[in-house]
PDB file of N, CA and C in Angstrom:
ATOM      1  N   MET A   1      90.516 107.134 118.689  1.00  0.00           N
ATOM      2  CA  MET A   1      89.979 106.029 118.078  1.00  0.00           C
ATOM      3  C   MET A   1      91.007 104.960 117.934  1.00  0.00           C
ATOM      4  N   THR A   2      90.716 103.631 118.111  1.00  0.00           N
ATOM      5  CA  THR A   2      91.641 102.584 117.896  1.00  0.00           C
ATOM      6  C   THR A   2      91.047 101.637 116.879  1.00  0.00           C
ATOM      7  N   GLY A   3      91.761 100.616 116.643  1.00  0.00           N
ATOM      8  CA  GLY A   3      91.226  99.537 115.673  1.00  0.00           C
ATOM      9  C   GLY A   3      89.800  99.045 116.059  1.00  0.00           C
ATOM     10  N   ASP A   4      89.541  99.086 117.355  1.00  0.00           N
ATOM     11  CA  ASP A   4      88.173  98.599 117.773  1.00  0.00           C
ATOM     12  C   ASP A   4      87.101  99.560 117.346  1.00  0.00           C
ATOM     13  N   ASP A   5      87.561 100.822 117.021  1.00  0.00           N
ATOM     14  CA  ASP A   5      86.620 101.836 116.591  1.00  0.00           C
ATOM     15  C   ASP A   5      86.878 102.303 115.168  1.00  0.00           C
ATOM     16  N   ALA A   6      87.482 101.340 114.391  1.00  0.00           N
ATOM     17  CA  ALA A   6      87.944 101.716 113.022  1.00  0.00           C
ATOM     18  C   ALA A   6      86.731 102.295 112.235  1.00  0.00           C
ATOM     19  N   ALA A   7      87.019 103.369 111.517  1.00  0.00           N
ATOM     20  CA  ALA A   7      85.996 104.058 110.751  1.00  0.00           C
ATOM     21  C   ALA A   7      86.065 103.773 109.356  1.00  0.00           C
ATOM     22  N   GLY A   8      84.842 103.710 108.641  1.00  0.00           N
ATOM     23  CA  GLY A   8      84.812 103.618 107.227  1.00  0.00           C
ATOM     24  C   GLY A   8      84.690 102.303 106.548  1.00  0.00           C
ATOM     25  N   ALA A   9      84.378 101.246 107.261  1.00  0.00           N
ATOM     26  CA  ALA A   9      84.440  99.841 106.692  1.00  0.00           C
ATOM     27  C   ALA A   9      83.365  99.701 105.543  1.00  0.00           C
ATOM     28  N   GLY A  10      82.318 100.544 105.543  1.00  0.00           N
ATOM     29  CA  GLY A  10      81.312 100.411 104.501  1.00  0.00           C
ATOM     30  C   GLY A  10      81.797 100.779 103.212  1.00  0.00           C
ATOM     31  N   ASP A  11      82.825 101.556 103.064  1.00  0.00           N
ATOM     32  CA  ASP A  11      83.134 102.069 101.625  1.00  0.00           C
ATOM     33  C   ASP A  11      84.521 101.493 101.142  1.00  0.00           C
ATOM     34  N   GLY A  12      84.871 100.406 101.843  1.00  0.00           N
ATOM     35  CA  GLY A  12      86.133  99.660 101.269  1.00  0.00           C
ATOM     36  C   GLY A  12      87.374 100.361 101.821  1.00  0.00           C
ATOM     37  N   ARG A  13      87.295 101.364 102.807  1.00  0.00           N
ATOM     38  CA  ARG A  13      88.367 102.081 103.348  1.00  0.00           C
ATOM     39  C   ARG A  13      88.119 102.051 104.853  1.00  0.00           C
ATOM     40  N   VAL A  14      89.156 101.687 105.608  1.00  0.00           N
ATOM     41  CA  VAL A  14      89.029 101.808 106.996  1.00  0.00           C
ATOM     42  C   VAL A  14      90.224 102.638 107.602  1.00  0.00           C
ATOM     43  N   THR A  15      89.968 103.424 108.484  1.00  0.00           N
ATOM     44  CA  THR A  15      91.087 104.293 109.142  1.00  0.00           C
ATOM     45  C   THR A  15      91.212 103.903 110.562  1.00  0.00           C
ATOM     46  N   VAL A  16      92.396 103.592 110.885  1.00  0.00           N
ATOM     47  CA  VAL A  16      92.750 103.252 112.288  1.00  0.00           C
ATOM     48  C   VAL A  16      93.642 104.442 112.851  1.00  0.00           C
ATOM     49  N   ASP A  17      93.114 105.095 113.860  1.00  0.00           N
ATOM     50  CA  ASP A  17      93.818 106.186 114.511  1.00  0.00           C
ATOM     51  C   ASP A  17      94.759 105.668 115.669  1.00  0.00           C
ATOM     52  N   ALA A  18      96.018 105.511 115.281  1.00  0.00           N
ATOM     53  CA  ALA A  18      96.981 105.106 116.327  1.00  0.00           C
ATOM     54  C   ALA A  18      97.878 106.139 116.719  1.00  0.00           C
ATOM     55  N   THR A  19      97.402 107.445 116.566  1.00  0.00           N
ATOM     56  CA  THR A  19      98.168 108.711 117.011  1.00  0.00           C
ATOM     57  C   THR A  19      98.506 108.602 118.454  1.00  0.00           C
ATOM     58  N   GLY A  20      99.773 108.864 118.706  1.00  0.00           N
ATOM     59  CA  GLY A  20     100.199 108.759 120.120  1.00  0.00           C
ATOM     60  C   GLY A  20     100.592 107.406 120.695  1.00  0.00           C
ATOM     61  N   LEU A  21     100.245 106.353 119.957  1.00  0.00           N
ATOM     62  CA  LEU A  21     100.674 104.999 120.305  1.00  0.00           C
ATOM     63  C   LEU A  21     102.031 104.748 119.871  1.00  0.00           C
ATOM     64  N   VAL A  22     102.786 103.882 120.613  1.00  0.00           N
ATOM     65  CA  VAL A  22     104.157 103.493 120.222  1.00  0.00           C
ATOM     66  C   VAL A  22     104.246 101.948 119.998  1.00  0.00           C
ATOM     67  N   CYS A  23     105.260 101.612 119.309  1.00  0.00           N
ATOM     68  CA  CYS A  23     105.495 100.284 118.907  1.00  0.00           C
ATOM     69  C   CYS A  23     105.388  99.367 120.154  1.00  0.00           C
ATOM     70  N   PRO A  24     104.667  98.255 119.995  1.00  0.00           N
ATOM     71  CA  PRO A  24     104.060  97.645 118.817  1.00  0.00           C
ATOM     72  C   PRO A  24     102.580  97.925 118.722  1.00  0.00           C
ATOM     73  N   LEU A  25     102.053  98.941 119.398  1.00  0.00           N
ATOM     74  CA  LEU A  25     100.618  99.130 119.496  1.00  0.00           C
ATOM     75  C   LEU A  25      99.988  99.577 118.048  1.00  0.00           C
ATOM     76  N   PRO A  26     100.644 100.334 117.313  1.00  0.00           N
ATOM     77  CA  PRO A  26     100.038 100.580 115.917  1.00  0.00           C
ATOM     78  C   PRO A  26      99.868  99.309 115.088  1.00  0.00           C
ATOM     79  N   ILE A  27     100.687  98.414 115.115  1.00  0.00           N
ATOM     80  CA  ILE A  27     100.662  97.138 114.370  1.00  0.00           C
ATOM     81  C   ILE A  27      99.528  96.234 114.997  1.00  0.00           C
ATOM     82  N   ILE A  28      99.479  96.254 116.246  1.00  0.00           N
ATOM     83  CA  ILE A  28      98.369  95.495 116.978  1.00  0.00           C
ATOM     84  C   ILE A  28      97.050  96.060 116.584  1.00  0.00           C
ATOM     85  N   GLU A  29      96.923  97.375 116.506  1.00  0.00           N
ATOM     86  CA  GLU A  29      95.668  97.933 116.235  1.00  0.00           C
ATOM     87  C   GLU A  29      95.278  97.726 114.708  1.00  0.00           C
ATOM     88  N   LEU A  30      96.300  97.671 113.840  1.00  0.00           N
ATOM     89  CA  LEU A  30      96.079  97.446 112.421  1.00  0.00           C
ATOM     90  C   LEU A  30      95.556  96.001 112.284  1.00  0.00           C
ATOM     91  N   ALA A  31      96.245  95.104 112.893  1.00  0.00           N
ATOM     92  CA  ALA A  31      95.795  93.717 112.807  1.00  0.00           C
ATOM     93  C   ALA A  31      94.477  93.463 113.287  1.00  0.00           C
ATOM     94  N   LYS A  32      94.120  94.051 114.381  1.00  0.00           N
ATOM     95  CA  LYS A  32      92.737  93.935 114.886  1.00  0.00           C
ATOM     96  C   LYS A  32      91.728  94.510 113.983  1.00  0.00           C
ATOM     97  N   ALA A  33      91.980  95.667 113.393  1.00  0.00           N
ATOM     98  CA  ALA A  33      91.053  96.234 112.443  1.00  0.00           C
ATOM     99  C   ALA A  33      90.887  95.477 111.170  1.00  0.00           C
ATOM    100  N   ALA A  34      91.998  94.817 110.750  1.00  0.00           N
ATOM    101  CA  ALA A  34      91.952  94.067 109.461  1.00  0.00           C
ATOM    102  C   ALA A  34      91.264  92.730 109.637  1.00  0.00           C
ATOM    103  N   ARG A  35      91.129  92.205 110.799  1.00  0.00           N
ATOM    104  CA  ARG A  35      90.520  90.879 110.918  1.00  0.00           C
ATOM    105  C   ARG A  35      89.022  90.972 110.419  1.00  0.00           C
ATOM    106  N   GLY A  36      88.664  90.074 109.576  1.00  0.00           N
ATOM    107  CA  GLY A  36      87.352  89.939 109.102  1.00  0.00           C
ATOM    108  C   GLY A  36      86.968  90.859 107.952  1.00  0.00           C
ATOM    109  N   LEU A  37      87.845  91.828 107.551  1.00  0.00           N
ATOM    110  CA  LEU A  37      87.503  92.678 106.475  1.00  0.00           C
ATOM    111  C   LEU A  37      87.672  91.971 105.124  1.00  0.00           C
ATOM    112  N   GLU A  38      87.003  92.451 104.070  1.00  0.00           N
ATOM    113  CA  GLU A  38      86.963  91.868 102.775  1.00  0.00           C
ATOM    114  C   GLU A  38      88.328  92.150 102.111  1.00  0.00           C
ATOM    115  N   PRO A  39      88.755  91.290 101.248  1.00  0.00           N
ATOM    116  CA  PRO A  39      89.909  91.519 100.396  1.00  0.00           C
ATOM    117  C   PRO A  39      89.668  92.701  99.523  1.00  0.00           C
ATOM    118  N   GLY A  40      90.648  93.465  99.400  1.00  0.00           N
ATOM    119  CA  GLY A  40      90.476  94.755  98.613  1.00  0.00           C
ATOM    120  C   GLY A  40      90.271  95.977  99.455  1.00  0.00           C
ATOM    121  N   THR A  41      89.942  95.696 100.777  1.00  0.00           N
ATOM    122  CA  THR A  41      89.757  96.896 101.716  1.00  0.00           C
ATOM    123  C   THR A  41      91.114  97.596 101.875  1.00  0.00           C
ATOM    124  N   GLU A  42      91.054  98.949 101.935  1.00  0.00           N
ATOM    125  CA  GLU A  42      92.298  99.648 102.283  1.00  0.00           C
ATOM    126  C   GLU A  42      92.222 100.086 103.670  1.00  0.00           C
ATOM    127  N   VAL A  43      93.243  99.728 104.445  1.00  0.00           N
ATOM    128  CA  VAL A  43      93.286 100.154 105.816  1.00  0.00           C
ATOM    129  C   VAL A  43      94.393 101.165 105.928  1.00  0.00           C
ATOM    130  N   THR A  44      94.069 102.288 106.408  1.00  0.00           N
ATOM    131  CA  THR A  44      95.072 103.430 106.710  1.00  0.00           C
ATOM    132  C   THR A  44      95.270 103.568 108.142  1.00  0.00           C
ATOM    133  N   VAL A  45      96.504 103.579 108.594  1.00  0.00           N
ATOM    134  CA  VAL A  45      96.861 103.772 110.013  1.00  0.00           C
ATOM    135  C   VAL A  45      97.451 105.143 110.087  1.00  0.00           C
ATOM    136  N   LEU A  46      96.772 105.943 110.880  1.00  0.00           N
ATOM    137  CA  LEU A  46      97.259 107.328 111.245  1.00  0.00           C
ATOM    138  C   LEU A  46      98.087 107.166 112.493  1.00  0.00           C
ATOM    139  N   CYS A  47      99.379 107.579 112.387  1.00  0.00           N
ATOM    140  CA  CYS A  47     100.285 107.441 113.529  1.00  0.00           C
ATOM    141  C   CYS A  47     101.346 108.555 113.645  1.00  0.00           C
ATOM    142  N   THR A  48     102.011 108.573 114.825  1.00  0.00           N
ATOM    143  CA  THR A  48     103.009 109.493 115.010  1.00  0.00           C
ATOM    144  C   THR A  48     104.313 108.766 115.409  1.00  0.00           C
ATOM    145  N   ASP A  49     104.374 107.441 115.561  1.00  0.00           N
ATOM    146  CA  ASP A  49     105.424 106.669 115.806  1.00  0.00           C
ATOM    147  C   ASP A  49     106.223 106.361 114.652  1.00  0.00           C
ATOM    148  N   VAL A  50     107.436 106.787 114.520  1.00  0.00           N
ATOM    149  CA  VAL A  50     108.222 106.658 113.293  1.00  0.00           C
ATOM    150  C   VAL A  50     108.587 105.160 113.064  1.00  0.00           C
ATOM    151  N   ALA A  51     108.607 104.383 114.066  1.00  0.00           N
ATOM    152  CA  ALA A  51     108.885 102.941 113.872  1.00  0.00           C
ATOM    153  C   ALA A  51     107.791 102.243 112.902  1.00  0.00           C
ATOM    154  N   ALA A  52     106.613 102.827 112.904  1.00  0.00           N
ATOM    155  CA  ALA A  52     105.545 102.356 112.076  1.00  0.00           C
ATOM    156  C   ALA A  52     105.805 102.451 110.596  1.00  0.00           C
ATOM    157  N   ARG A  53     106.685 103.409 110.204  1.00  0.00           N
ATOM    158  CA  ARG A  53     107.211 103.472 108.866  1.00  0.00           C
ATOM    159  C   ARG A  53     107.843 102.172 108.330  1.00  0.00           C
ATOM    160  N   VAL A  54     108.466 101.457 109.274  1.00  0.00           N
ATOM    161  CA  VAL A  54     109.102 100.165 108.935  1.00  0.00           C
ATOM    162  C   VAL A  54     108.133  99.082 109.233  1.00  0.00           C
ATOM    163  N   ASP A  55     107.419  99.193 110.353  1.00  0.00           N
ATOM    164  CA  ASP A  55     106.613  98.060 110.823  1.00  0.00           C
ATOM    165  C   ASP A  55     105.363  97.752 109.950  1.00  0.00           C
ATOM    166  N   VAL A  56     104.595  98.816 109.465  1.00  0.00           N
ATOM    167  CA  VAL A  56     103.501  98.559 108.599  1.00  0.00           C
ATOM    168  C   VAL A  56     103.874  97.850 107.294  1.00  0.00           C
ATOM    169  N   PRO A  57     104.844  98.346 106.619  1.00  0.00           N
ATOM    170  CA  PRO A  57     105.232  97.535 105.337  1.00  0.00           C
ATOM    171  C   PRO A  57     105.688  96.152 105.640  1.00  0.00           C
ATOM    172  N   ALA A  58     106.426  95.871 106.810  1.00  0.00           N
ATOM    173  CA  ALA A  58     106.848  94.525 107.140  1.00  0.00           C
ATOM    174  C   ALA A  58     105.567  93.758 107.514  1.00  0.00           C
ATOM    175  N   TRP A  59     104.614  94.234 108.206  1.00  0.00           N
ATOM    176  CA  TRP A  59     103.363  93.513 108.569  1.00  0.00           C
ATOM    177  C   TRP A  59     102.649  93.097 107.271  1.00  0.00           C
ATOM    178  N   ALA A  60     102.564  94.047 106.253  1.00  0.00           N
ATOM    179  CA  ALA A  60     101.839  93.761 105.015  1.00  0.00           C
ATOM    180  C   ALA A  60     102.560  92.664 104.253  1.00  0.00           C
ATOM    181  N   ARG A  61     103.892  92.736 104.244  1.00  0.00           N
ATOM    182  CA  ARG A  61     104.669  91.661 103.526  1.00  0.00           C
ATOM    183  C   ARG A  61     104.467  90.341 104.200  1.00  0.00           C
ATOM    184  N   MET A  62     104.619  90.290 105.507  1.00  0.00           N
ATOM    185  CA  MET A  62     104.545  89.021 106.263  1.00  0.00           C
ATOM    186  C   MET A  62     103.208  88.382 106.273  1.00  0.00           C
ATOM    187  N   THR A  63     102.149  89.292 106.071  1.00  0.00           N
ATOM    188  CA  THR A  63     100.698  88.711 106.093  1.00  0.00           C
ATOM    189  C   THR A  63     100.182  88.566 104.667  1.00  0.00           C
ATOM    190  N   GLY A  64     100.889  88.864 103.741  1.00  0.00           N
ATOM    191  CA  GLY A  64     100.517  88.813 102.266  1.00  0.00           C
ATOM    192  C   GLY A  64      99.537  89.787 101.721  1.00  0.00           C
ATOM    193  N   HIS A  65      99.654  91.025 102.326  1.00  0.00           N
ATOM    194  CA  HIS A  65      98.842  92.247 101.916  1.00  0.00           C
ATOM    195  C   HIS A  65      99.771  93.122 101.177  1.00  0.00           C
ATOM    196  N   ASP A  66      99.191  94.094 100.482  1.00  0.00           N
ATOM    197  CA  ASP A  66      99.926  95.078  99.689  1.00  0.00           C
ATOM    198  C   ASP A  66     100.088  96.424 100.511  1.00  0.00           C
ATOM    199  N   TYR A  67     101.317  96.904 100.625  1.00  0.00           N
ATOM    200  CA  TYR A  67     101.596  98.112 101.153  1.00  0.00           C
ATOM    201  C   TYR A  67     101.530  99.123 100.098  1.00  0.00           C
ATOM    202  N   LEU A  68     100.610 100.094 100.244  1.00  0.00           N
ATOM    203  CA  LEU A  68     100.431 101.138  99.255  1.00  0.00           C
ATOM    204  C   LEU A  68     101.220 102.430  99.427  1.00  0.00           C
ATOM    205  N   GLY A  69     101.702 102.631 100.625  1.00  0.00           N
ATOM    206  CA  GLY A  69     102.613 103.892 100.783  1.00  0.00           C
ATOM    207  C   GLY A  69     102.138 104.638 102.007  1.00  0.00           C
ATOM    208  N   GLU A  70     102.908 105.803 102.072  1.00  0.00           N
ATOM    209  CA  GLU A  70     102.647 106.792 103.227  1.00  0.00           C
ATOM    210  C   GLU A  70     102.425 108.088 102.703  1.00  0.00           C
ATOM    211  N   LYS A  71     101.618 108.930 103.499  1.00  0.00           N
ATOM    212  CA  LYS A  71     101.540 110.307 103.195  1.00  0.00           C
ATOM    213  C   LYS A  71     101.671 111.052 104.534  1.00  0.00           C
ATOM    214  N   LYS A  72     102.013 112.247 104.483  1.00  0.00           N
ATOM    215  CA  LYS A  72     102.098 113.106 105.649  1.00  0.00           C
ATOM    216  C   LYS A  72     100.669 113.562 105.961  1.00  0.00           C
ATOM    217  N   THR A  73     100.356 113.714 107.237  1.00  0.00           N
ATOM    218  CA  THR A  73      99.079 114.194 107.690  1.00  0.00           C
ATOM    219  C   THR A  73      99.333 115.583 108.193  1.00  0.00           C
ATOM    220  N   ASP A  74      98.246 116.283 108.602  1.00  0.00           N
ATOM    221  CA  ASP A  74      98.357 117.561 109.252  1.00  0.00           C
ATOM    222  C   ASP A  74      99.112 117.313 110.487  1.00  0.00           C
ATOM    223  N   GLY A  75     100.081 118.159 110.848  1.00  0.00           N
ATOM    224  CA  GLY A  75     100.865 118.110 112.054  1.00  0.00           C
ATOM    225  C   GLY A  75     101.974 117.119 111.829  1.00  0.00           C
ATOM    226  N   ALA A  76     102.384 116.321 112.900  1.00  0.00           N
ATOM    227  CA  ALA A  76     103.530 115.406 112.909  1.00  0.00           C
ATOM    228  C   ALA A  76     103.252 114.130 112.500  1.00  0.00           C
ATOM    229  N   GLY A  77     102.010 113.726 112.135  1.00  0.00           N
ATOM    230  CA  GLY A  77     101.603 112.343 111.850  1.00  0.00           C
ATOM    231  C   GLY A  77     101.815 112.014 110.429  1.00  0.00           C
ATOM    232  N   ILE A  78     101.792 110.588 110.267  1.00  0.00           N
ATOM    233  CA  ILE A  78     101.880 109.963 108.899  1.00  0.00           C
ATOM    234  C   ILE A  78     100.718 109.016 108.754  1.00  0.00           C
ATOM    235  N   ALA A  79     100.247 108.759 107.482  1.00  0.00           N
ATOM    236  CA  ALA A  79      99.183 107.858 107.137  1.00  0.00           C
ATOM    237  C   ALA A  79      99.848 106.823 106.294  1.00  0.00           C
ATOM    238  N   LEU A  80      99.784 105.468 106.793  1.00  0.00           N
ATOM    239  CA  LEU A  80     100.300 104.396 106.130  1.00  0.00           C
ATOM    240  C   LEU A  80      99.233 103.463 105.649  1.00  0.00           C
ATOM    241  N   THR A  81      99.064 103.183 104.326  1.00  0.00           N
ATOM    242  CA  THR A  81      97.964 102.420 103.848  1.00  0.00           C
ATOM    243  C   THR A  81      98.327 101.022 103.336  1.00  0.00           C
ATOM    244  N   VAL A  82      97.501 100.035 103.595  1.00  0.00           N
ATOM    245  CA  VAL A  82      97.685  98.651 103.174  1.00  0.00           C
ATOM    246  C   VAL A  82      96.426  98.229 102.504  1.00  0.00           C
ATOM    247  N   ARG A  83      96.564  97.454 101.372  1.00  0.00           N
ATOM    248  CA  ARG A  83      95.318  96.882 100.779  1.00  0.00           C
ATOM    249  C   ARG A  83      95.282  95.405 101.118  1.00  0.00           C
ATOM    250  N   LEU A  84      94.261  95.009 101.675  1.00  0.00           N
ATOM    251  CA  LEU A  84      94.087  93.609 102.169  1.00  0.00           C
ATOM    252  C   LEU A  84      93.876  92.684 100.988  1.00  0.00           C
ATOM    253  N   ARG A  85      94.487  91.549 101.035  1.00  0.00           N
ATOM    254  CA  ARG A  85      94.217  90.501  99.958  1.00  0.00           C
ATOM    255  C   ARG A  85      93.320  89.370 100.520  1.00  0.00           C
TER     256      ARG A  85
END
């Protein structure tokens, strides 16, 4: 699943599965998924690219959103969450 297939928009939370994608694709998918979403929506990017640990917080800062943090997922992935403003 990519940003085009983002899941969960109805509950104020959206998940973007960028597992296996490398820089800059996780950020591109995050930006596509965030377009048109309501302020307050939490967007979580699931990824395996370690560069996303720097890129997602930087994207949030540069676009005026709030970076909420990261969590490990099952396996080698990480989940990075942003709250849209």
